[in-house]
Amino acid sequence: MVQNPKPIANPIINIVLLNPEIPNNTGSIGRTCVATGAALHLIHPLAFDIDEKACRRAGLDYWPRLNLTNHDSLTDYQAATPKPANTWYLSARATKSIYDITPTPGDHFVFGKESVGLPKDLLDANPDRCLSIPIAPDERSLNLSTACAIVIYACIERFIRAGHLQTTESGRLIAADS
């Protein structure tokens, strides 16, 4: 058993939401990020309020522990993203699957708004960086919070196999060098 496990020092991955519209999805994604050591980036404008009063009213008691960065625009997010960060764009229309890449700790996964996804021009400008989550042929898409959780846990599984992360006997996620 690991004694005094080291916490995950840096975000295992970065989840980036471009103009999210549904507060419950963002809240669920935030909770998944807290539980896994992922960071959340919110690109404004948002379709809802995330000030302290709104979070308290919604019962988001974990929100203060969230590694959260707010960006005024996509351009501001891109300027603030350290280079060379691997940035991936999630789209139901992408032909490459999340299982076709080898993620690295710190990668950024960008998701679009619930109603329309990511802008076509952003996807067209990054064709080799667009990923999808495999779903049945006649289905349109997954719920945003579900899609984020799938990506986070697909990365965790890969990071455990690569030796970047490990789990304790009680199933807790920790840095592999603990």
Protein backbone atom coordinates (compact mmCIF):
# COMPACT_ATOMS: atom_id res chain seq x y z
CA MET A 1 0.00 0.00 0.00
CA VAL A 2 1.22 3.50 -0.84
CA GLN A 3 2.06 5.52 2.28
CA ASN A 4 1.40 9.25 2.09
CA PRO A 5 0.59 9.29 -1.62
CA LYS A 6 1.64 12.35 -3.59
CA PRO A 7 -1.28 14.24 -5.05
CA ILE A 8 -1.38 14.86 -8.75
CA ALA A 9 0.74 18.00 -9.05
CA ASN A 10 -0.43 19.32 -12.41
CA PRO A 11 -3.73 18.84 -14.15
CA ILE A 12 -3.79 15.42 -15.77
CA ILE A 13 -5.65 17.02 -18.65
CA ASN A 14 -7.40 20.28 -19.41
CA ILE A 15 -11.08 20.31 -20.31
CA VAL A 16 -12.02 23.41 -22.29
CA LEU A 17 -15.66 24.45 -22.76
CA LEU A 18 -16.37 27.00 -25.47
CA ASN A 19 -19.49 29.01 -24.58
CA PRO A 20 -21.33 26.34 -22.57
CA GLU A 21 -25.10 26.80 -22.40
CA ILE A 22 -26.37 24.43 -19.70
CA PRO A 23 -25.27 25.11 -16.11
CA ASN A 24 -25.97 21.56 -14.93
CA ASN A 25 -23.60 20.17 -17.55
CA THR A 26 -20.85 22.58 -16.54
CA GLY A 27 -21.43 21.76 -12.86
CA SER A 28 -21.18 18.03 -13.55
CA ILE A 29 -18.03 18.53 -15.64
CA GLY A 30 -16.53 20.62 -12.83
CA ARG A 31 -17.20 17.84 -10.33
CA THR A 32 -15.58 15.26 -12.62
CA CYS A 33 -12.56 17.54 -12.98
CA VAL A 34 -12.23 17.91 -9.20
CA ALA A 35 -12.54 14.13 -8.72
CA THR A 36 -9.87 13.33 -11.30
CA GLY A 37 -7.32 16.13 -11.05
CA ALA A 38 -8.29 17.66 -14.39
CA ALA A 39 -8.45 21.43 -14.95
CA LEU A 40 -11.47 23.21 -16.40
CA HIS A 41 -11.25 26.20 -18.74
CA LEU A 42 -14.42 28.17 -19.46
CA ILE A 43 -14.44 30.38 -22.53
CA HIS A 44 -16.93 33.22 -22.24
CA PRO A 45 -19.57 34.23 -22.89
CA LEU A 46 -21.40 31.63 -20.79
CA ALA A 47 -25.17 31.25 -20.95
CA PHE A 48 -25.38 31.28 -17.13
CA ASP A 49 -23.84 32.82 -14.04
CA ILE A 50 -20.96 31.23 -12.09
CA ASP A 51 -20.41 33.85 -9.42
CA GLU A 52 -20.04 32.73 -5.79
CA LYS A 53 -23.72 33.32 -4.99
CA ALA A 54 -24.92 31.28 -7.98
CA CYS A 55 -22.58 28.39 -7.14
CA ARG A 56 -23.64 28.40 -3.48
CA ARG A 57 -27.34 28.47 -4.47
CA ALA A 58 -26.75 25.51 -6.83
CA GLY A 59 -25.07 23.50 -4.05
CA LEU A 60 -21.71 23.32 -5.80
CA ASP A 61 -19.74 22.77 -2.58
CA TYR A 62 -16.79 21.33 -4.58
CA TRP A 63 -16.49 24.44 -6.83
CA PRO A 64 -13.82 26.14 -4.64
CA ARG A 65 -11.56 23.05 -5.15
CA LEU A 66 -11.92 23.20 -8.93
CA ASN A 67 -8.81 24.13 -10.91
CA LEU A 68 -10.74 26.70 -12.99
CA THR A 69 -9.57 29.27 -15.49
CA ASN A 70 -11.95 31.70 -17.15
CA HIS A 71 -11.11 33.17 -20.57
CA ASP A 72 -12.89 36.14 -22.13
CA SER A 73 -12.75 34.65 -25.63
CA LEU A 74 -11.35 31.81 -27.70
CA THR A 75 -8.52 34.12 -28.77
CA ASP A 76 -7.66 34.82 -25.12
CA TYR A 77 -7.69 31.10 -24.33
CA GLN A 78 -5.38 30.37 -27.28
CA ALA A 79 -2.99 33.15 -26.22
CA ALA A 80 -2.90 31.84 -22.64
CA THR A 81 -2.32 28.20 -23.59
CA PRO A 82 1.32 27.25 -23.09
CA LYS A 83 3.12 26.02 -26.16
CA PRO A 84 3.62 23.33 -27.17
CA ALA A 85 0.38 22.04 -25.63
CA ASN A 86 -1.45 19.28 -27.43
CA THR A 87 -4.88 20.69 -28.16
CA TRP A 88 -7.64 18.39 -29.40
CA TYR A 89 -11.06 19.45 -30.69
CA LEU A 90 -14.02 17.17 -30.01
CA SER A 91 -16.71 16.86 -32.66
CA ALA A 92 -19.29 14.22 -33.55
CA ARG A 93 -18.30 14.90 -37.19
CA ALA A 94 -14.59 14.07 -36.73
CA THR A 95 -13.29 10.94 -38.41
CA LYS A 96 -10.48 10.23 -35.93
CA SER A 97 -11.47 8.67 -32.60
CA ILE A 98 -10.17 9.54 -29.14
CA TYR A 99 -8.84 5.98 -29.17
CA ASP A 100 -6.64 6.76 -32.20
CA ILE A 101 -4.35 9.09 -30.25
CA THR A 102 -1.86 8.74 -27.43
CA PRO A 103 -2.73 11.52 -25.02
CA THR A 104 -0.05 13.09 -22.87
CA PRO A 105 -0.51 14.62 -19.41
CA GLY A 106 -1.55 18.24 -19.75
CA ASP A 107 -3.30 17.87 -23.12
CA HIS A 108 -6.22 20.22 -23.80
CA PHE A 109 -9.57 18.84 -25.01
CA VAL A 110 -11.89 21.51 -26.41
CA PHE A 111 -15.67 21.00 -26.48
CA GLY A 112 -18.27 23.25 -28.10
CA LYS A 113 -21.60 24.50 -26.87
CA GLU A 114 -24.36 21.95 -26.38
CA SER A 115 -26.62 23.19 -29.18
CA VAL A 116 -24.14 23.40 -32.07
CA GLY A 117 -20.72 22.05 -31.02
CA LEU A 118 -17.52 23.75 -32.12
CA PRO A 119 -17.49 26.31 -34.93
CA LYS A 120 -16.87 24.81 -38.37
CA ASP A 121 -14.02 27.22 -39.09
CA LEU A 122 -12.18 26.08 -35.94
CA LEU A 123 -12.58 22.42 -36.94
CA ASP A 124 -11.58 23.15 -40.54
CA ALA A 125 -8.44 24.96 -39.34
CA ASN A 126 -7.39 21.92 -37.25
CA PRO A 127 -8.36 18.81 -39.24
CA ASP A 128 -5.59 16.61 -37.76
CA ARG A 129 -6.57 17.63 -34.20
CA CYS A 130 -10.29 16.77 -34.43
CA LEU A 131 -11.53 13.76 -32.46
CA SER A 132 -14.80 11.99 -31.95
CA ILE A 133 -16.15 9.57 -29.38
CA PRO A 134 -17.43 6.42 -31.10
CA ILE A 135 -21.23 6.14 -31.04
CA ALA A 136 -23.86 4.17 -32.96
CA PRO A 137 -24.17 5.16 -36.65
CA ASP A 138 -27.62 6.75 -36.45
CA GLU A 139 -27.04 8.74 -33.25
CA ARG A 140 -26.30 12.47 -33.29
CA SER A 141 -24.11 13.03 -30.24
CA LEU A 142 -23.61 12.52 -26.51
CA ASN A 143 -24.46 14.82 -23.62
CA LEU A 144 -21.60 17.26 -23.02
CA SER A 145 -20.90 16.16 -19.44
CA THR A 146 -20.94 12.51 -20.51
CA ALA A 147 -18.54 13.24 -23.38
CA CYS A 148 -16.12 15.07 -21.07
CA ALA A 149 -16.18 12.21 -18.55
CA ILE A 150 -15.48 9.67 -21.31
CA VAL A 151 -12.47 11.67 -22.52
CA ILE A 152 -11.11 12.18 -19.00
CA TYR A 153 -11.36 8.51 -18.10
CA ALA A 154 -10.00 7.35 -21.47
CA CYS A 155 -6.95 9.50 -20.72
CA ILE A 156 -6.70 8.20 -17.15
CA GLU A 157 -6.72 4.62 -18.42
CA ARG A 158 -3.94 5.43 -20.88
CA PHE A 159 -1.93 7.30 -18.21
CA ILE A 160 -2.17 4.37 -15.79
CA ARG A 161 -0.95 1.98 -18.50
CA ALA A 162 1.89 4.40 -19.39
CA GLY A 163 2.95 4.72 -15.75
CA HIS A 164 2.01 8.38 -15.28
CA LEU A 165 -0.74 7.60 -12.73
CA GLN A 166 -1.68 4.76 -10.44
CA THR A 167 -4.52 3.83 -8.14
CA THR A 168 -4.27 3.02 -4.46
CA GLU A 169 -5.73 -0.12 -2.89
CA SER A 170 -8.80 1.95 -2.07
CA GLY A 171 -9.17 2.99 -5.71
CA ARG A 172 -7.89 6.55 -5.38
CA LEU A 173 -6.01 8.15 -8.24
CA ILE A 174 -2.48 9.33 -7.43
CA ALA A 175 0.77 10.29 -9.13
CA ALA A 176 2.73 7.19 -10.17
CA ASP A 177 5.88 8.20 -8.31
CA SER A 178 4.15 8.17 -4.90
